[in-house]
Amino acid sequence: MLKINSDVAGKQYVVSQLELWTELDPYSELLRLSFLKDITGEACWEKKLAVHLLTTRPVNADSVAGFITYTWGKALKNQIARESFIESLSYAHLPELVSLLGSEAQRYFPPLKPQPSNELIKRVALVAPYLSDKNHTPSQMIVQQSLVLKMLGYEVRIFSCQELIIPDMLCYTGSDEQVILSPLDINFWQFALPSGVGLVCGDVRYSLPARWQVISAAVTEFSPHVVLFCGLFSPFVTALFKNYPVVGLNVHALPVMASVDVWLSSDQSKRWNQDPLWVPFLSPACTHYHPYRIKTTVAQSMLKRKDIDISDDAVLWISIGWRLCDEIKDSWAQSMMALLNQLPHVVWILVGSNIPPALNCARSDQIKSLGYRNDVAELLLLSDIYVNPPRMGGGFTVAEAMATGLAVVSFSDSDGGDKVGSHAVSGNNDYLQRLTQLSVDGAQRLEMGQKLKERFSKTFDITNSGASMVQALETAVTLGKTRLYPKETTTE
């Protein structure tokens, strides 16, 4: 692939020949379209590949899931705003493909057995599309949600088919690109979960349908009264929707891409509305205002600035994320280097990533990579400003910074912008101006940090979520009964 890309004439010839190929078997067509998508970079081939996957029968679940995961990962890397992120997923027909795989997963569930309509909620199935380790924010989110549900008195069991990990994903693409994710860390989960909370995870050595079969049997045996899904998309949850009431909690600030009865939204203006974003391919959900996301314990730091070779009088910026090399790029990176040259008293540390290629020309005494760290909370305590780069994600690290009392600079129309609310900025000039002001004015930093800390405690602290969670689960059960057992509901 690299050799072809470096030979313009050779590339044009290969593309022209592949464009002429027709009447291939489904697998060969899959490889042809995948190759053309990646070598040309033209979106039309991505759409043609999506249509091919939608119309090919029988459905190859692993190839469809691999495409969904790859397309989501690419959008998360390349799109910096919520609207463009949604457009990218919709253009590639991801809602339709999730629905298609949901129908495939549904085959592994036994016939529905009605539960007594007046039975109280006792058992909650907490479902995630993928679980990993302590450095994976959605995994931490699952742990914290299990603690909340346990404290509310529910019996909780966690299930994951590990739908984002597809064995031999490269066999379903015509290129050398794939999404590489960290494996499940059993040791982390053994110590992180509260007593009595079980975990059932799919074995990623097997195909996705094989995992659906195992996990569907485990869910059926647990017999939950309601399902709480935490993630962006999941075909398995779309299948669960055919059998159980479902509540959806997205890791991003947009509706879950799965059929659910209730969506837990951080947007108060959408309270109790039905959100049609992924309709008609997935069922519209009743929107329940529930902004609570994480619990952060801010402890006294034993770490000193000298331990990371930072002077005490420097103004310290911090950015956190394992995709920073992809997110810090182009003109934004250039403008940040120019700003650093104007602010010699500032040092910028990057946590979870190497120095992005776009920053290679920056002064080494002003930009430092700390790589992966286990002491992020302590690093935040040492810092002055959280710098959220232009990206769709990053909302949880922004929330952690807010809980610590840091000033935060973040673009609007993103997860990070959603967390800071009116403090978000809308353009690069405003971003640089805000960052400059905060870097030179300590009083302004403290004032903004205190306001954001108060906003976190009032709005996002998960320890305040109990009553709202109970209401959401009960609403989902009521809606689910009407949807799943309409005859029983009308005769009560």
Foldseek 3Di string as FASTA:
>chain_A
DVVCLVPVVSVVVVLVVLVPDDDDPLQVVLASLQQNCPSVVDCVSLQVNLVSQLPDPPHPLLLLLQSLLVQLVVLQLPPQFQVSSLVSCVSNVVLLSLLVLLVVLLVLADPADDDPLPDDFAEEEEEEQAEAAPVDVLNQQSQVVLVLCVVLRHQYEYEYAVSSQAPPSVSRGNDDDGDDDHHHDPVRVVPRHDPRYYYDYHDNVDGSSVSSNVRSVVCVVSVGQEYEYEEAGHSSVLSVLLHHAYEYEYLWQDFHSHAHAEYAHCDPVQAQPFDCSSPPSHDTYGYHHFQATAADDQDDAPDDPVVVPADLQAAEEEEEDQSVLSQCDDPLVVVVLVLCVVVVSYAYEYEQYADHPRCPPHDDRRYYYPHHDPPVSNVLLSHAEYEYTRGQDDLVVLLSNLLSLHHYEAADNHSVNSLLPPNYHHDSVVSSVVVVVSRVDVVVGNVRSVVSNVSSVVRHHCVPRNVSVVVRRVSSSVVSCCVNPVPVVVVD
